[in-house]
N, C-alpha and C. Protein backbone atom coordinates (compact mmCIF):
# COMPACT_ATOMS: atom_id res chain seq x y z
N UNK A 1 19.36 6.14 -20.29
CA UNK A 1 18.61 5.73 -19.11
C UNK A 1 19.21 6.42 -17.90
N UNK A 2 18.37 7.02 -17.06
CA UNK A 2 18.85 7.74 -15.89
C UNK A 2 19.39 6.82 -14.82
N UNK A 3 20.14 7.39 -13.92
CA UNK A 3 20.75 6.63 -12.83
C UNK A 3 19.68 5.96 -11.98
N UNK A 4 18.60 6.69 -11.67
CA UNK A 4 17.53 6.12 -10.83
C UNK A 4 16.93 4.88 -11.48
N UNK A 5 16.70 4.94 -12.78
CA UNK A 5 16.12 3.79 -13.49
C UNK A 5 17.09 2.62 -13.49
N UNK A 6 18.38 2.89 -13.67
CA UNK A 6 19.38 1.82 -13.67
C UNK A 6 19.44 1.13 -12.31
N UNK A 7 19.47 1.93 -11.25
CA UNK A 7 19.54 1.38 -9.90
C UNK A 7 18.27 0.58 -9.61
N UNK A 8 17.11 1.14 -9.96
CA UNK A 8 15.85 0.45 -9.72
C UNK A 8 15.81 -0.88 -10.46
N UNK A 9 16.24 -0.87 -11.72
CA UNK A 9 16.26 -2.10 -12.51
C UNK A 9 17.20 -3.12 -11.89
N UNK A 10 18.31 -2.66 -11.37
CA UNK A 10 19.31 -3.54 -10.79
C UNK A 10 18.82 -4.19 -9.50
N UNK A 11 18.10 -3.43 -8.65
CA UNK A 11 17.71 -3.98 -7.36
C UNK A 11 16.36 -4.66 -7.36
N UNK A 12 15.52 -4.42 -8.39
CA UNK A 12 14.23 -5.09 -8.44
C UNK A 12 14.43 -6.58 -8.70
N UNK A 13 13.59 -7.41 -8.06
CA UNK A 13 13.70 -8.84 -8.32
C UNK A 13 13.32 -9.15 -9.76
N UNK A 14 13.96 -10.14 -10.31
CA UNK A 14 13.70 -10.52 -11.71
C UNK A 14 12.28 -11.07 -11.85
N UNK A 15 11.89 -11.95 -10.96
CA UNK A 15 10.55 -12.51 -10.95
C UNK A 15 9.95 -12.24 -9.59
N UNK A 16 8.72 -11.77 -9.58
CA UNK A 16 8.05 -11.55 -8.30
C UNK A 16 7.61 -12.91 -7.78
N UNK A 17 8.14 -13.26 -6.62
CA UNK A 17 7.85 -14.56 -6.03
C UNK A 17 6.61 -14.46 -5.14
N UNK A 18 5.78 -15.47 -5.14
CA UNK A 18 4.61 -15.43 -4.26
C UNK A 18 5.06 -15.49 -2.80
N UNK A 19 4.18 -15.06 -1.92
CA UNK A 19 4.49 -15.10 -0.49
C UNK A 19 4.83 -16.52 -0.08
N UNK A 20 5.65 -16.62 0.91
CA UNK A 20 5.97 -17.95 1.42
C UNK A 20 4.69 -18.59 1.97
N UNK A 21 4.68 -19.89 2.08
CA UNK A 21 3.52 -20.60 2.60
C UNK A 21 3.17 -20.09 4.00
N UNK A 22 4.20 -19.82 4.79
CA UNK A 22 3.95 -19.32 6.15
C UNK A 22 3.25 -17.97 6.13
N UNK A 23 3.76 -17.04 5.32
CA UNK A 23 3.18 -15.71 5.25
C UNK A 23 1.74 -15.76 4.74
N UNK A 24 1.50 -16.61 3.78
CA UNK A 24 0.15 -16.75 3.23
C UNK A 24 -0.81 -17.32 4.30
N UNK A 25 -0.36 -18.34 5.02
CA UNK A 25 -1.18 -18.94 6.08
C UNK A 25 -1.42 -17.93 7.20
N UNK A 26 -0.40 -17.18 7.55
CA UNK A 26 -0.51 -16.17 8.60
C UNK A 26 -1.53 -15.11 8.21
N UNK A 27 -1.48 -14.65 6.97
CA UNK A 27 -2.41 -13.63 6.50
C UNK A 27 -3.85 -14.15 6.53
N UNK A 28 -4.06 -15.38 6.06
CA UNK A 28 -5.41 -15.98 6.08
C UNK A 28 -5.93 -16.11 7.51
N UNK A 29 -5.06 -16.51 8.43
CA UNK A 29 -5.45 -16.64 9.83
C UNK A 29 -5.85 -15.29 10.40
N UNK A 30 -5.03 -14.27 10.16
CA UNK A 30 -5.33 -12.94 10.67
C UNK A 30 -6.64 -12.40 10.09
N UNK A 31 -6.90 -12.67 8.83
CA UNK A 31 -8.13 -12.21 8.20
C UNK A 31 -9.34 -12.94 8.81
N UNK A 32 -9.18 -14.22 9.11
CA UNK A 32 -10.29 -15.00 9.66
C UNK A 32 -10.56 -14.63 11.12
N UNK A 33 -9.53 -14.32 11.88
CA UNK A 33 -9.68 -14.08 13.32
C UNK A 33 -10.00 -12.63 13.66
N UNK A 34 -9.62 -11.71 12.80
CA UNK A 34 -9.83 -10.31 13.12
C UNK A 34 -10.56 -9.59 12.01
N UNK A 35 -10.40 -8.30 11.99
CA UNK A 35 -11.01 -7.49 10.95
C UNK A 35 -10.20 -7.65 9.66
N UNK A 36 -10.88 -7.64 8.52
CA UNK A 36 -10.15 -7.70 7.25
C UNK A 36 -9.22 -6.48 7.11
N UNK A 37 -8.12 -6.66 6.43
CA UNK A 37 -7.17 -5.57 6.22
C UNK A 37 -6.54 -5.72 4.84
N UNK A 38 -5.95 -4.64 4.39
CA UNK A 38 -5.20 -4.67 3.14
C UNK A 38 -3.80 -4.14 3.41
N UNK A 39 -2.88 -4.53 2.59
CA UNK A 39 -1.51 -4.05 2.68
C UNK A 39 -1.17 -3.37 1.37
N UNK A 40 -0.71 -2.14 1.46
CA UNK A 40 -0.36 -1.38 0.27
C UNK A 40 1.12 -1.06 0.27
N UNK A 41 1.69 -1.08 -0.91
CA UNK A 41 3.07 -0.63 -1.07
C UNK A 41 3.00 0.60 -1.97
N UNK A 42 3.32 1.74 -1.40
CA UNK A 42 3.25 2.99 -2.14
C UNK A 42 4.64 3.51 -2.45
N UNK A 43 4.83 3.92 -3.69
CA UNK A 43 6.07 4.56 -4.08
C UNK A 43 5.89 6.06 -3.99
N UNK A 44 6.96 6.75 -3.74
CA UNK A 44 6.89 8.20 -3.70
C UNK A 44 6.48 8.70 -5.09
N UNK A 45 5.57 9.66 -5.16
CA UNK A 45 5.12 10.15 -6.47
C UNK A 45 6.27 10.80 -7.24
N UNK A 46 6.18 10.69 -8.55
CA UNK A 46 7.20 11.30 -9.42
C UNK A 46 7.26 12.80 -9.15
N UNK A 47 8.45 13.30 -9.07
CA UNK A 47 8.65 14.72 -8.83
C UNK A 47 8.76 15.08 -7.36
N UNK A 48 8.55 14.12 -6.47
CA UNK A 48 8.61 14.38 -5.03
C UNK A 48 9.81 13.70 -4.38
N UNK A 49 10.80 13.34 -5.17
CA UNK A 49 11.97 12.64 -4.65
C UNK A 49 12.70 13.44 -3.58
N UNK A 50 12.62 14.77 -3.65
CA UNK A 50 13.28 15.61 -2.63
C UNK A 50 12.62 15.48 -1.27
N UNK A 51 11.42 14.91 -1.21
CA UNK A 51 10.69 14.73 0.04
C UNK A 51 10.80 13.30 0.58
N UNK A 52 11.81 12.56 0.16
CA UNK A 52 11.90 11.14 0.52
C UNK A 52 11.93 10.91 2.03
N UNK A 53 12.60 11.77 2.80
CA UNK A 53 12.63 11.59 4.26
C UNK A 53 11.25 11.79 4.86
N UNK A 54 10.55 12.85 4.42
CA UNK A 54 9.19 13.09 4.91
C UNK A 54 8.27 11.96 4.48
N UNK A 55 8.45 11.46 3.28
CA UNK A 55 7.62 10.37 2.77
C UNK A 55 7.79 9.12 3.64
N UNK A 56 9.02 8.80 4.00
CA UNK A 56 9.27 7.62 4.83
C UNK A 56 8.64 7.76 6.22
N UNK A 57 8.60 8.98 6.73
CA UNK A 57 8.02 9.22 8.06
C UNK A 57 6.51 8.97 8.08
N UNK A 58 5.86 9.06 6.91
CA UNK A 58 4.41 8.85 6.86
C UNK A 58 4.02 7.45 7.33
N UNK A 59 4.92 6.50 7.18
CA UNK A 59 4.63 5.12 7.57
C UNK A 59 4.26 4.99 9.04
N UNK A 60 4.81 5.84 9.88
CA UNK A 60 4.54 5.77 11.31
C UNK A 60 3.75 6.98 11.81
N UNK A 61 3.28 7.81 10.90
CA UNK A 61 2.54 9.03 11.24
C UNK A 61 1.08 8.68 11.52
N UNK A 62 0.65 8.82 12.77
CA UNK A 62 -0.71 8.46 13.17
C UNK A 62 -1.76 9.33 12.47
N UNK A 63 -1.48 10.61 12.30
CA UNK A 63 -2.43 11.49 11.61
C UNK A 63 -2.61 11.05 10.16
N UNK A 64 -1.53 10.69 9.49
CA UNK A 64 -1.61 10.20 8.12
C UNK A 64 -2.44 8.91 8.08
N UNK A 65 -2.23 8.03 9.04
CA UNK A 65 -2.98 6.78 9.14
C UNK A 65 -4.48 7.06 9.25
N UNK A 66 -4.85 8.01 10.10
CA UNK A 66 -6.26 8.37 10.26
C UNK A 66 -6.83 8.98 8.99
N UNK A 67 -6.03 9.78 8.29
CA UNK A 67 -6.48 10.37 7.03
C UNK A 67 -6.72 9.29 5.98
N UNK A 68 -5.86 8.29 5.94
CA UNK A 68 -6.04 7.19 4.99
C UNK A 68 -7.29 6.38 5.35
N UNK A 69 -7.52 6.14 6.65
CA UNK A 69 -8.73 5.44 7.08
C UNK A 69 -9.98 6.20 6.63
N UNK A 70 -9.96 7.52 6.79
CA UNK A 70 -11.11 8.34 6.36
C UNK A 70 -11.30 8.25 4.85
N UNK A 71 -10.21 8.24 4.11
CA UNK A 71 -10.29 8.11 2.65
C UNK A 71 -10.91 6.76 2.26
N UNK A 72 -10.51 5.71 2.96
CA UNK A 72 -11.07 4.38 2.69
C UNK A 72 -12.57 4.36 2.98
N UNK A 73 -12.98 4.96 4.09
CA UNK A 73 -14.40 5.02 4.42
C UNK A 73 -15.19 5.73 3.33
N UNK A 74 -14.68 6.89 2.89
CA UNK A 74 -15.36 7.65 1.84
C UNK A 74 -15.46 6.83 0.56
N UNK A 75 -14.38 6.16 0.20
CA UNK A 75 -14.36 5.37 -1.03
C UNK A 75 -15.36 4.22 -0.95
N UNK A 76 -15.41 3.53 0.18
CA UNK A 76 -16.35 2.41 0.33
C UNK A 76 -17.79 2.89 0.28
N UNK A 77 -18.07 4.04 0.91
CA UNK A 77 -19.42 4.59 0.86
C UNK A 77 -19.81 4.99 -0.56
N UNK A 78 -18.90 5.63 -1.28
CA UNK A 78 -19.18 6.00 -2.67
C UNK A 78 -19.41 4.77 -3.54
N UNK A 79 -18.59 3.75 -3.34
CA UNK A 79 -18.76 2.51 -4.11
C UNK A 79 -20.10 1.85 -3.82
N UNK A 80 -20.51 1.85 -2.54
CA UNK A 80 -21.78 1.20 -2.20
C UNK A 80 -22.96 2.00 -2.77
N UNK A 81 -22.87 3.31 -2.79
CA UNK A 81 -23.93 4.13 -3.38
C UNK A 81 -24.01 3.92 -4.87
N UNK A 82 -22.87 3.79 -5.50
CA UNK A 82 -22.83 3.59 -6.95
C UNK A 82 -23.44 2.24 -7.31
N UNK A 83 -23.19 1.22 -6.51
CA UNK A 83 -23.74 -0.11 -6.77
C UNK A 83 -25.27 -0.10 -6.61
N UNK A 84 -25.77 0.66 -5.62
CA UNK A 84 -27.21 0.72 -5.38
C UNK A 84 -27.93 1.43 -6.52
N UNK A 85 -27.27 2.43 -7.10
CA UNK A 85 -27.92 3.20 -8.16
C UNK A 85 -27.83 2.51 -9.52
N UNK A 86 -26.99 1.49 -9.63
CA UNK A 86 -26.83 0.79 -10.92
C UNK A 86 -27.92 -0.22 -11.17
């Protein structure tokens, strides 16, 4: 087993715990009061570990954010067209 796998296994939680009651209530409130949103946790793709600094910068990169928004729009439009044709 590689070092990365050992470290990952060591630091990952044993059981994934549900969000705290506060976090769950906060999320429901935000969804009800504003626009719906999703939260994604993305891991760096395999083979791109050398780009970890650049990958972390994407979190605050406005251009990347806009590109992801455009991707979401395209995906939703494709899904709605597929549903209509079914």
